[in-house]
Amino acid sequence: MTSIVTSLSPQQIANLTTTSMARLNTTDVQALTTTQVAVLTATQVSALTSASLQSMQTTQISAISTRAVSNLTMAAIQSLTTTQTGALATSQIGSLSTTSITSLSSTQLQAWTASQFGAVTATQISGITTTAVNNLSTTELAALTTTQAHGLTATELNTLGTAKLDALDLTKLTTTQLGGLTTTTLGNLTTTQLGTLSTTQARALTAAQLNGVSAGNLGAIDITKLSTAQIGGLTSTTAGNLTTTQVGALASTQIGALTTSAVGGLSSTEVQGWSAGQAAGLSSTQIGGLTTTAVGNLSTTELTGLTTTQAHGLTATQLNTFVTAKLDALDLTKTTTTQLGALTTTTLGNLTTTQLGTLSTTQARALTAAQLNGVSAGNLGAIDITKLSTAQISGLTSTTAGNLTTTQVAALASTQIGALTASAITGLTTTELSALTASQAAGLSGAQLAGLTTTKFAALTSTTGLPQLTTTAIAGITTSEIAALSTTQGNAFTTTQVQAMNTNQLNALVSLIG
């Protein structure tokens, strides 16, 4: 039989029936020349018994036509030994159907060299089963070309074992493939792999993926490659898992994209490590939404560097919980009247005199009487009294009025003097009353004069004090106050003032000056 087989022409070999092919024994098959093998059809090859097929020499295997190889039955493919599988030419491998490749065992697949495996197309890879993909060796997976790697489906990638997944060159994957990875798969990647992602690839990762990976893997990603949209999707936990180096590398636009919750997840060390340029990325909304603990993490330098817009975002609660050092770092000129009006007396008391001295008229007028009456004498003395409204002045208590400095009292306008209550005016010292200018004295009311002690009334001078009192104010002077004056002071009253006095006042004046 063997001699007959070897004598057949290629045409005669091609005409053999499957029945005839099935009758060939191993010796007959091994006697076939490569020329004869080359004309065999897939049907003929598949008709060989497993023993006969497995007896084919490697040169014979590589001589089978690509057409025949592409149409071999699954049984025939599975019958090939690893040596025979390893003998397939790259053209033969490229012609295999996805079904054929899927039917290959891990041993058969792993028998291919890198060159042979390079013949597998992306279409073939994408069409095979997850089992078949997992049958590939780490060497074969590592050797995938970019085109081949593009053929891997999300399902295939997500079912790869850790060792095989780690063998992949992530730089060869598409954004679609990366976006389709589960958090478990991402978690199985090495930090080295994640560190190789390009900007385009890194931006393919979803917020869900970023929030689902471990702190270790998250820390391997180049944070500067993420978009503001991705940064905006990070949870407080994920933000807290960022390394100090990553937080320090954030661009101001990325910082501005963080949610208030995410900013709150950062440590004080990380937040205080931002440069002025980075901190400038925080929006007023972000700042206003921070917890008191989170806003307290801002450094004094960062607080000093807040822009007017950013400072406007600070809430009264935040301002009132600042420790003194951080409160003192604020530029009060950047705060709103609403913010200032909501400060507690304790907070106002913790401000520096320099800060209070910088308040504009609009800002100073935002302070309530309760605030002004609650601050210390030192802080009260730092406020430019001329910027306060008559309404604010009218709310001062005698104690607060008494805490005004001599310079402040001397700066009061006549309308402000007139706005002091009868009780508040008593808080002024005799020195301050004696220093009143003619304009200020003219602002005194009868009720104020009536409320003064005889000693304080007598402090009004005979030059800029008593002669400047209005005829309306004269009505409030008591006879006891007149009696407490010196004759020089009594003689200082003008004719108009004397004519405005009542009988009792006149009698007291005559008694004084004789």
Protein backbone atom coordinates (compact mmCIF):
# COMPACT_ATOMS: atom_id res chain seq x y z
CA MET A 1 0.00 0.00 0.00
CA THR A 2 2.78 2.39 0.91
CA SER A 3 4.51 1.88 -2.44
CA ILE A 4 1.23 2.56 -4.22
CA VAL A 5 0.64 5.77 -2.26
CA THR A 6 4.08 7.14 -2.97
CA SER A 7 3.64 6.43 -6.69
CA LEU A 8 0.43 8.48 -6.98
CA SER A 9 0.57 11.82 -8.71
CA PRO A 10 -0.66 14.97 -6.91
CA GLN A 11 -3.81 14.87 -9.08
CA GLN A 12 -4.48 11.26 -8.08
CA ILE A 13 -3.89 12.12 -4.39
CA ALA A 14 -6.36 14.96 -4.68
CA ASN A 15 -8.97 12.55 -6.04
CA LEU A 16 -8.74 10.07 -3.16
CA THR A 17 -12.02 9.66 -1.30
CA THR A 18 -12.38 10.16 2.45
CA THR A 19 -12.88 6.40 2.71
CA SER A 20 -9.54 5.82 1.04
CA MET A 21 -7.91 8.43 3.26
CA ALA A 22 -9.29 6.74 6.35
CA ARG A 23 -7.68 3.45 5.27
CA LEU A 24 -4.18 4.93 5.14
CA ASN A 25 -2.09 3.75 8.07
CA THR A 26 0.64 5.72 9.81
CA THR A 27 3.31 4.30 7.53
CA ASP A 28 1.33 5.26 4.43
CA VAL A 29 0.79 8.81 5.72
CA GLN A 30 4.41 9.30 6.68
CA ALA A 31 5.41 8.24 3.16
CA LEU A 32 3.47 11.11 1.54
CA THR A 33 5.71 13.74 0.03
CA THR A 34 5.21 17.42 0.87
CA THR A 35 4.04 17.91 -2.73
CA GLN A 36 1.37 15.28 -2.25
CA VAL A 37 0.37 16.70 1.15
CA ALA A 38 0.03 20.18 -0.35
CA VAL A 39 -2.91 19.07 -2.56
CA LEU A 40 -4.89 17.43 0.22
CA THR A 41 -8.18 19.05 1.06
CA ALA A 42 -9.42 19.75 4.57
CA THR A 43 -11.96 16.96 4.13
CA GLN A 44 -9.24 14.49 3.21
CA VAL A 45 -6.98 15.51 6.12
CA SER A 46 -9.91 15.40 8.55
CA ALA A 47 -10.74 11.88 7.27
CA LEU A 48 -7.43 10.52 8.52
CA THR A 49 -7.56 8.60 11.73
CA SER A 50 -6.18 10.36 14.80
CA ALA A 51 -3.20 8.00 14.78
CA SER A 52 -2.49 8.63 11.11
CA LEU A 53 -2.87 12.40 11.52
CA GLN A 54 -0.62 12.46 14.57
CA SER A 55 2.00 10.44 12.67
CA MET A 56 2.51 13.22 10.12
CA GLN A 57 5.94 14.72 10.25
CA THR A 58 6.41 18.42 10.93
CA THR A 59 7.48 19.04 7.33
CA GLN A 60 4.26 17.44 6.16
CA ILE A 61 2.18 19.52 8.60
CA SER A 62 3.70 22.75 7.37
CA ALA A 63 3.01 21.61 3.77
CA ILE A 64 -0.77 21.45 4.23
CA SER A 65 -2.37 24.30 2.28
CA THR A 66 -3.81 27.27 4.13
CA ARG A 67 -7.19 26.51 2.50
CA ALA A 68 -7.12 23.01 3.96
CA VAL A 69 -5.94 24.25 7.37
CA SER A 70 -8.67 26.85 7.54
CA ASN A 71 -11.34 24.17 7.03
CA LEU A 72 -10.05 21.41 9.26
CA THR A 73 -12.62 19.97 11.61
CA MET A 74 -12.38 20.64 15.33
CA ALA A 75 -11.58 16.98 15.89
CA ALA A 76 -8.68 17.14 13.45
CA ILE A 77 -7.32 20.30 15.04
CA GLN A 78 -7.53 18.80 18.51
CA SER A 79 -5.76 15.66 17.30
CA LEU A 80 -2.61 17.56 16.40
CA THR A 81 0.28 17.00 18.76
CA THR A 82 2.02 20.01 20.32
CA THR A 83 4.98 19.28 18.05
CA GLN A 84 2.69 19.41 15.01
CA THR A 85 0.95 22.55 16.26
CA GLY A 86 4.36 24.09 16.75
CA ALA A 87 5.18 23.21 13.12
CA LEU A 88 2.32 25.26 11.63
CA ALA A 89 3.55 28.03 9.38
CA THR A 90 2.50 31.59 10.13
CA SER A 91 0.37 31.59 6.96
CA GLN A 92 -1.42 28.47 8.19
CA ILE A 93 -2.00 29.99 11.65
CA GLY A 94 -3.38 33.16 10.08
CA SER A 95 -5.89 31.08 8.13
CA LEU A 96 -7.28 29.25 11.19
CA SER A 97 -10.87 30.05 12.06
CA THR A 98 -11.75 31.39 15.50
CA THR A 99 -13.47 28.06 16.13
CA SER A 100 -10.25 26.23 15.31
CA ILE A 101 -8.16 28.44 17.58
CA THR A 102 -10.75 28.12 20.33
CA SER A 103 -10.52 24.32 20.07
CA LEU A 104 -6.76 24.35 20.65
CA SER A 105 -5.63 23.35 24.12
CA SER A 106 -3.36 25.54 26.25
CA THR A 107 -0.54 23.08 25.50
CA GLN A 108 -1.09 23.39 21.76
CA LEU A 109 -1.35 27.18 21.85
CA GLN A 110 1.68 27.57 24.04
CA ALA A 111 3.70 25.48 21.58
CA TRP A 112 3.75 28.42 19.19
CA THR A 113 6.77 30.67 19.04
CA ALA A 114 6.44 34.44 19.31
CA SER A 115 6.84 34.61 15.53
CA GLN A 116 4.05 32.10 14.99
CA PHE A 117 1.75 33.77 17.47
CA GLY A 118 2.42 37.04 15.69
CA ALA A 119 0.44 35.65 12.77
CA VAL A 120 -2.78 35.55 14.78
CA THR A 121 -5.03 38.40 13.70
CA ALA A 122 -7.01 40.79 15.89
CA THR A 123 -10.19 39.31 14.43
CA GLN A 124 -9.12 35.82 15.44
CA ILE A 125 -8.29 37.00 18.96
CA SER A 126 -11.57 38.84 19.44
CA GLY A 127 -13.55 35.84 18.23
CA ILE A 128 -12.10 33.14 20.43
CA THR A 129 -13.51 32.15 23.79
CA THR A 130 -12.28 33.45 27.14
CA THR A 131 -11.02 29.94 27.85
CA ALA A 132 -8.90 30.04 24.72
CA VAL A 133 -7.51 33.46 25.61
CA ASN A 134 -6.61 32.14 29.04
CA ASN A 135 -4.84 29.27 27.32
CA LEU A 136 -2.32 31.73 25.91
CA SER A 137 0.96 31.85 27.78
CA THR A 138 2.22 34.99 29.55
CA THR A 139 4.99 35.11 26.93
CA GLU A 140 2.45 35.10 24.11
CA LEU A 141 0.31 37.74 25.80
CA ALA A 142 3.35 39.92 26.43
CA ALA A 143 4.32 39.56 22.76
CA LEU A 144 0.95 40.69 21.38
CA THR A 145 1.35 43.40 18.79
CA THR A 146 -0.70 46.57 19.14
CA THR A 147 -3.01 45.33 16.38
CA GLN A 148 -3.45 41.96 18.08
CA ALA A 149 -3.99 43.55 21.49
CA HIS A 150 -6.73 45.69 19.97
CA GLY A 151 -8.58 42.47 19.23
CA LEU A 152 -9.00 41.53 22.88
CA THR A 153 -12.55 42.12 24.05
CA ALA A 154 -13.52 43.54 27.45
CA THR A 155 -14.91 40.12 28.37
CA GLU A 156 -11.64 38.44 27.47
CA LEU A 157 -9.59 40.98 29.38
CA ASN A 158 -11.82 40.78 32.44
CA THR A 159 -11.50 37.00 32.63
CA LEU A 160 -7.72 36.82 32.37
CA GLY A 161 -5.97 35.53 35.45
CA THR A 162 -3.80 37.99 37.36
CA ALA A 163 -0.51 36.60 36.07
CA LYS A 164 -1.66 36.73 32.46
CA LEU A 165 -3.25 40.13 32.89
CA ASP A 166 -0.03 41.45 34.34
CA ALA A 167 1.84 40.19 31.26
CA LEU A 168 -0.04 42.59 28.98
CA ASP A 169 1.50 45.78 27.68
CA LEU A 170 -1.24 48.28 28.58
CA THR A 171 0.15 50.87 26.21
CA LYS A 172 -1.21 48.71 23.37
CA LEU A 173 -4.82 48.79 24.59
CA THR A 174 -7.43 51.17 23.23
CA THR A 175 -9.42 53.65 25.30
CA THR A 176 -12.52 51.50 24.74
CA GLN A 177 -10.78 48.45 26.11
CA LEU A 178 -9.52 50.33 29.18
CA GLY A 179 -12.92 51.85 29.82
CA GLY A 180 -14.43 48.37 29.77
CA LEU A 181 -12.22 46.94 32.50
CA THR A 182 -13.91 46.10 35.78
CA THR A 183 -12.54 47.50 39.03
CA THR A 184 -11.43 43.96 39.89
CA THR A 185 -9.43 43.73 36.67
CA LEU A 186 -7.93 47.17 37.25
CA GLY A 187 -7.05 46.06 40.75
CA ASN A 188 -5.17 43.07 39.36
CA LEU A 189 -2.98 45.22 37.15
CA THR A 190 0.47 46.10 38.43
CA THR A 191 1.41 49.62 39.46
CA THR A 192 4.03 49.53 36.69
CA GLN A 193 1.35 48.85 34.09
CA LEU A 194 -0.88 51.67 35.36
CA GLY A 195 2.10 54.00 35.41
CA THR A 196 2.60 53.50 31.67
CA LEU A 197 -0.85 54.78 30.65
CA SER A 198 -0.78 57.68 28.25
CA THR A 199 -2.90 60.77 28.80
CA THR A 200 -5.45 59.52 26.27
CA GLN A 201 -5.61 56.12 27.93
CA ALA A 202 -5.77 57.51 31.47
CA ARG A 203 -8.66 59.73 30.44
CA ALA A 204 -10.60 56.67 29.30
CA LEU A 205 -10.95 55.48 32.88
CA THR A 206 -14.34 56.23 34.40
CA ALA A 207 -15.00 57.74 37.81
CA ALA A 208 -16.41 54.38 38.89
CA GLN A 209 -13.16 52.68 37.93
CA LEU A 210 -10.99 55.28 39.66
CA ASN A 211 -13.13 55.11 42.78
CA GLY A 212 -13.01 51.33 42.78
CA VAL A 213 -9.28 50.66 42.58
CA SER A 214 -7.07 50.16 45.59
CA ALA A 215 -5.07 53.01 47.09
CA GLY A 216 -1.89 51.34 45.80
CA ASN A 217 -3.05 51.16 42.19
CA LEU A 218 -4.61 54.61 42.34
CA GLY A 219 -1.29 55.96 43.52
CA ALA A 220 0.43 54.55 40.42
CA ILE A 221 -1.65 56.64 38.02
CA ASP A 222 -0.18 59.90 36.79
CA ILE A 223 -2.80 62.24 38.25
CA THR A 224 -1.80 65.05 35.92
CA LYS A 225 -3.15 63.01 32.99
CA LEU A 226 -6.70 62.89 34.34
CA SER A 227 -9.31 65.31 33.04
CA THR A 228 -11.20 67.77 35.23
CA ALA A 229 -14.32 65.68 34.60
CA GLN A 230 -12.60 62.60 36.04
CA ILE A 231 -11.24 64.58 38.98
CA GLY A 232 -14.74 65.92 39.61
CA GLY A 233 -16.02 62.36 39.98
CA LEU A 234 -13.63 61.32 42.74
CA THR A 235 -15.19 60.54 46.11
CA SER A 236 -13.79 61.77 49.40
CA THR A 237 -12.39 58.28 50.03
CA THR A 238 -10.63 58.19 46.67
CA ALA A 239 -9.28 61.71 47.16
CA GLY A 240 -8.03 60.59 50.54
CA ASN A 241 -6.25 57.65 48.88
CA LEU A 242 -4.27 59.93 46.58
CA THR A 243 -0.62 60.15 47.56
CA THR A 244 0.85 63.40 48.82
CA THR A 245 2.86 63.52 45.60
CA GLN A 246 -0.29 63.18 43.49
CA VAL A 247 -2.14 65.89 45.44
CA GLY A 248 0.89 68.12 45.12
CA ALA A 249 0.91 67.59 41.35
CA LEU A 250 -2.72 68.62 40.79
CA ALA A 251 -3.17 71.56 38.46
CA SER A 252 -5.26 74.49 39.69
CA THR A 253 -7.98 73.51 37.19
CA GLN A 254 -8.04 69.99 38.61
CA ILE A 255 -8.25 71.34 42.15
CA GLY A 256 -11.13 73.52 41.04
CA ALA A 257 -12.90 70.40 39.74
CA LEU A 258 -12.80 68.54 43.06
CA THR A 259 -16.10 68.29 44.90
CA THR A 260 -16.24 69.83 48.36
CA SER A 261 -16.51 66.29 49.71
CA ALA A 262 -13.34 65.27 47.86
CA VAL A 263 -11.43 68.30 49.14
CA GLY A 264 -12.58 67.31 52.60
CA GLY A 265 -11.00 63.90 52.08
CA LEU A 266 -7.54 65.42 51.69
CA SER A 267 -5.25 65.68 54.70
CA SER A 268 -4.10 68.99 56.16
CA THR A 269 -0.55 68.16 55.05
CA GLU A 270 -1.69 67.69 51.46
CA VAL A 271 -3.85 70.81 51.36
CA GLN A 272 -1.19 72.93 53.01
CA GLY A 273 1.32 71.66 50.48
CA TRP A 274 -0.42 73.45 47.62
CA SER A 275 1.27 76.43 46.09
CA ALA A 276 -0.51 79.78 45.87
CA GLY A 277 -1.24 79.01 42.22
CA GLN A 278 -2.82 75.67 43.07
CA ALA A 279 -4.90 77.03 45.95
CA ALA A 280 -6.14 79.73 43.59
CA GLY A 281 -7.99 76.96 41.76
CA LEU A 282 -10.48 76.54 44.59
CA SER A 283 -13.83 78.16 43.80
CA SER A 284 -15.90 80.14 46.28
CA THR A 285 -18.50 77.37 46.10
CA GLN A 286 -15.92 74.74 47.01
CA ILE A 287 -14.62 76.82 49.89
CA GLY A 288 -18.10 77.55 51.20
CA GLY A 289 -19.01 73.88 51.04
CA LEU A 290 -16.04 72.64 53.04
CA THR A 291 -16.55 71.38 56.55
CA THR A 292 -15.02 73.48 59.30
CA THR A 293 -12.36 70.77 59.66
CA ALA A 294 -11.53 70.83 55.95
CA VAL A 295 -11.37 74.62 55.71
CA GLY A 296 -9.28 74.55 58.85
CA ASN A 297 -6.76 72.47 56.91
CA LEU A 298 -5.92 75.46 54.76
CA SER A 299 -2.60 76.99 55.76
CA THR A 300 -2.23 80.59 56.90
CA THR A 301 -0.39 81.28 53.64
CA GLU A 302 -3.27 79.86 51.62
CA LEU A 303 -5.81 81.85 53.62
CA THR A 304 -3.81 85.03 53.13
CA GLY A 305 -3.65 84.30 49.41
CA LEU A 306 -7.41 83.87 48.95
CA THR A 307 -8.79 86.05 46.21
CA THR A 308 -11.75 88.32 46.92
CA THR A 309 -14.03 85.87 45.13
CA GLN A 310 -12.69 82.94 47.14
CA ALA A 311 -12.92 84.82 50.42
CA HIS A 312 -16.56 85.60 49.65
CA GLY A 313 -17.22 81.87 49.74
CA LEU A 314 -16.34 81.52 53.43
CA THR A 315 -19.41 81.01 55.59
CA ALA A 316 -20.02 82.61 58.97
CA THR A 317 -19.71 79.16 60.56
CA GLN A 318 -16.32 78.64 58.97
CA LEU A 319 -15.09 82.09 59.95
CA ASN A 320 -16.29 81.72 63.52
CA THR A 321 -14.53 78.37 63.99
CA PHE A 322 -11.13 79.47 62.68
CA VAL A 323 -8.36 79.34 65.24
CA THR A 324 -6.86 82.73 65.97
CA ALA A 325 -3.74 82.24 63.84
CA LYS A 326 -5.75 81.35 60.74
CA LEU A 327 -8.34 84.03 61.38
CA ASP A 328 -5.57 86.59 61.66
CA ALA A 329 -4.21 85.47 58.29
CA LEU A 330 -7.33 86.65 56.47
CA ASP A 331 -7.40 89.88 54.50
CA LEU A 332 -10.58 91.42 55.92
CA THR A 333 -10.83 93.85 53.01
CA LYS A 334 -11.89 90.86 50.91
CA THR A 335 -14.86 89.92 53.10
CA THR A 336 -18.45 90.98 52.51
CA THR A 337 -20.65 93.01 54.81
CA THR A 338 -22.77 89.91 55.38
CA GLN A 339 -19.74 87.94 56.50
CA LEU A 340 -18.58 90.69 58.84
CA GLY A 341 -22.03 91.19 60.29
CA ALA A 342 -22.19 87.49 61.19
CA LEU A 343 -18.93 87.35 63.14
CA THR A 344 -19.30 86.60 66.82
CA THR A 345 -17.80 88.97 69.37
CA THR A 346 -15.28 86.22 70.17
CA THR A 347 -14.21 86.07 66.52
CA LEU A 348 -14.01 89.86 66.32
CA GLY A 349 -11.95 89.80 69.47
CA ASN A 350 -9.52 87.36 67.84
CA LEU A 351 -8.91 89.66 64.89
CA THR A 352 -5.82 91.83 64.98
CA THR A 353 -6.01 95.59 65.36
CA THR A 354 -4.35 95.83 61.96
CA GLN A 355 -7.17 93.83 60.37
CA LEU A 356 -9.86 95.96 62.00
CA GLY A 357 -8.03 99.09 60.94
CA THR A 358 -8.31 98.09 57.28
CA LEU A 359 -12.11 97.95 57.23
CA SER A 360 -13.73 100.19 54.64
CA THR A 361 -16.65 102.44 55.53
CA THR A 362 -19.07 99.95 54.00
CA GLN A 363 -17.52 97.10 55.93
CA ALA A 364 -17.32 99.00 59.22
CA ARG A 365 -20.98 99.91 58.89
CA ALA A 366 -21.86 96.21 58.64
CA LEU A 367 -20.88 95.71 62.28
CA THR A 368 -23.81 95.60 64.66
CA ALA A 369 -24.09 97.47 67.94
CA ALA A 370 -23.90 94.11 69.71
CA GLN A 371 -20.57 93.38 67.98
CA LEU A 372 -19.17 96.81 68.78
CA ASN A 373 -20.26 96.55 72.39
CA GLY A 374 -18.79 93.07 72.68
CA VAL A 375 -15.22 93.65 71.48
CA SER A 376 -12.34 94.51 73.71
CA ALA A 377 -11.22 98.08 74.24
CA GLY A 378 -8.10 97.32 72.25
CA ASN A 379 -9.94 96.06 69.18
CA LEU A 380 -12.57 98.79 69.45
CA GLY A 381 -9.80 101.35 69.46
CA ALA A 382 -8.50 99.98 66.14
CA ILE A 383 -11.72 100.79 64.29
CA ASP A 384 -11.89 104.06 62.38
CA ILE A 385 -14.75 105.66 64.34
CA THR A 386 -15.50 108.13 61.58
CA LYS A 387 -16.67 105.23 59.37
CA LEU A 388 -19.48 104.25 61.75
CA SER A 389 -23.02 105.43 61.06
CA THR A 390 -25.08 107.45 63.55
CA ALA A 391 -27.28 104.36 63.95
CA GLN A 392 -24.26 102.34 65.06
CA ILE A 393 -23.10 105.14 67.38
CA SER A 394 -26.56 105.32 68.93
CA GLY A 395 -26.29 101.67 69.90
CA LEU A 396 -23.09 102.06 71.93
CA THR A 397 -23.34 101.51 75.65
CA SER A 398 -21.72 103.81 78.20
CA THR A 399 -19.03 101.15 78.72
CA THR A 400 -18.26 101.01 75.01
CA ALA A 401 -18.24 104.79 74.76
CA GLY A 402 -15.86 104.82 77.69
CA ASN A 403 -13.59 102.37 75.84
CA LEU A 404 -13.22 104.75 72.89
CA THR A 405 -9.78 106.25 72.72
CA THR A 406 -9.27 109.99 73.13
CA THR A 407 -8.29 110.06 69.45
CA GLN A 408 -11.55 108.33 68.46
CA VAL A 409 -13.67 110.71 70.55
CA ALA A 410 -11.85 113.67 69.08
CA ALA A 411 -12.64 112.36 65.57
CA LEU A 412 -16.39 112.03 66.14
CA ALA A 413 -18.52 114.21 63.89
CA SER A 414 -21.12 116.44 65.53
CA THR A 415 -23.85 114.15 64.17
CA GLN A 416 -22.13 111.18 65.76
CA ILE A 417 -21.82 113.07 69.06
CA GLY A 418 -25.51 113.82 68.87
CA ALA A 419 -26.30 110.15 68.17
CA LEU A 420 -24.82 108.96 71.46
CA THR A 421 -27.50 108.07 73.98
CA ALA A 422 -27.77 109.99 77.26
CA SER A 423 -26.36 106.87 78.90
CA ALA A 424 -23.49 106.48 76.43
CA ILE A 425 -22.37 110.11 76.77
CA THR A 426 -21.73 109.51 80.44
CA GLY A 427 -19.05 107.02 79.42
CA LEU A 428 -16.86 109.84 78.05
CA THR A 429 -14.17 111.07 80.40
CA THR A 430 -13.88 114.67 81.62
CA THR A 431 -10.72 114.92 79.53
CA GLU A 432 -12.58 113.87 76.41
CA LEU A 433 -15.49 116.20 77.16
CA SER A 434 -13.16 119.13 77.76
CA ALA A 435 -11.49 118.37 74.42
CA LEU A 436 -14.71 118.61 72.43
CA THR A 437 -14.44 121.01 69.53
CA ALA A 438 -16.96 123.76 68.90
CA SER A 439 -18.53 121.66 66.16
CA GLN A 440 -18.80 118.61 68.40
CA ALA A 441 -20.26 120.58 71.33
CA ALA A 442 -22.90 121.95 69.00
CA GLY A 443 -24.05 118.39 68.44
CA LEU A 444 -24.87 117.76 72.10
CA SER A 445 -28.56 117.35 72.93
CA GLY A 446 -30.49 118.44 75.99
CA ALA A 447 -31.04 114.83 77.02
CA GLN A 448 -27.31 114.17 76.87
CA LEU A 449 -26.53 117.25 78.96
CA ALA A 450 -29.16 116.31 81.51
CA GLY A 451 -27.61 112.86 81.85
CA LEU A 452 -24.12 114.13 82.64
CA THR A 453 -22.83 114.28 86.17
CA THR A 454 -22.08 117.79 87.44
CA THR A 455 -18.38 117.02 87.22
CA LYS A 456 -18.55 115.91 83.60
CA PHE A 457 -20.80 118.84 82.66
CA ALA A 458 -18.30 121.17 84.25
CA ALA A 459 -15.63 119.67 81.98
CA LEU A 460 -17.13 121.56 79.04
CA THR A 461 -14.85 124.50 78.35
CA SER A 462 -15.81 128.15 78.29
CA THR A 463 -14.42 128.50 74.79
CA THR A 464 -15.28 125.52 72.56
CA GLY A 465 -17.77 123.87 74.84
CA LEU A 466 -20.48 125.83 76.63
CA PRO A 467 -20.80 128.72 74.14
CA GLN A 468 -21.51 126.21 71.33
CA LEU A 469 -24.51 124.56 72.93
CA THR A 470 -27.71 125.05 70.97
CA THR A 471 -30.66 126.79 72.54
CA THR A 472 -32.52 123.46 72.32
CA ALA A 473 -29.76 121.73 74.23
CA ILE A 474 -29.70 124.51 76.87
CA ALA A 475 -33.13 123.32 78.01
CA GLY A 476 -31.63 120.09 79.26
CA ILE A 477 -29.11 121.68 81.64
CA THR A 478 -29.95 121.14 85.30
CA THR A 479 -29.52 123.83 87.97
CA SER A 480 -27.05 121.54 89.74
CA GLU A 481 -24.90 121.45 86.61
CA ILE A 482 -24.94 125.25 86.35
CA ALA A 483 -24.00 125.52 90.01
CA ALA A 484 -21.00 123.27 89.37
CA LEU A 485 -19.53 125.67 86.80
CA SER A 486 -16.86 128.26 87.44
CA THR A 487 -17.73 131.94 87.11
CA THR A 488 -15.66 132.00 83.92
CA GLN A 489 -17.76 129.23 82.50
CA GLY A 490 -20.96 130.92 83.66
CA ASN A 491 -19.97 134.10 81.91
CA ALA A 492 -19.27 132.12 78.73
CA PHE A 493 -22.95 131.58 77.95
CA THR A 494 -24.07 133.78 75.05
CA THR A 495 -26.98 136.21 75.21
CA THR A 496 -29.00 133.91 72.96
CA GLN A 497 -28.31 130.93 75.25
CA VAL A 498 -29.26 132.95 78.37
CA GLN A 499 -32.48 134.06 76.73
CA ALA A 500 -33.33 130.40 76.11
CA MET A 501 -32.93 129.49 79.82
CA ASN A 502 -35.91 128.94 82.07
CA THR A 503 -36.39 130.75 85.37
CA ASN A 504 -34.71 128.11 87.48
CA GLN A 505 -31.70 127.99 85.18
CA LEU A 506 -31.45 131.80 85.18
CA ASN A 507 -31.64 131.97 88.97
CA ALA A 508 -28.90 129.35 89.21
CA LEU A 509 -26.73 131.28 86.74
CA VAL A 510 -27.26 134.62 88.57
CA SER A 511 -26.39 132.88 91.81
CA LEU A 512 -23.20 131.60 90.17
CA ILE A 513 -21.90 134.79 88.61
CA GLY A 514 -23.49 137.32 91.05
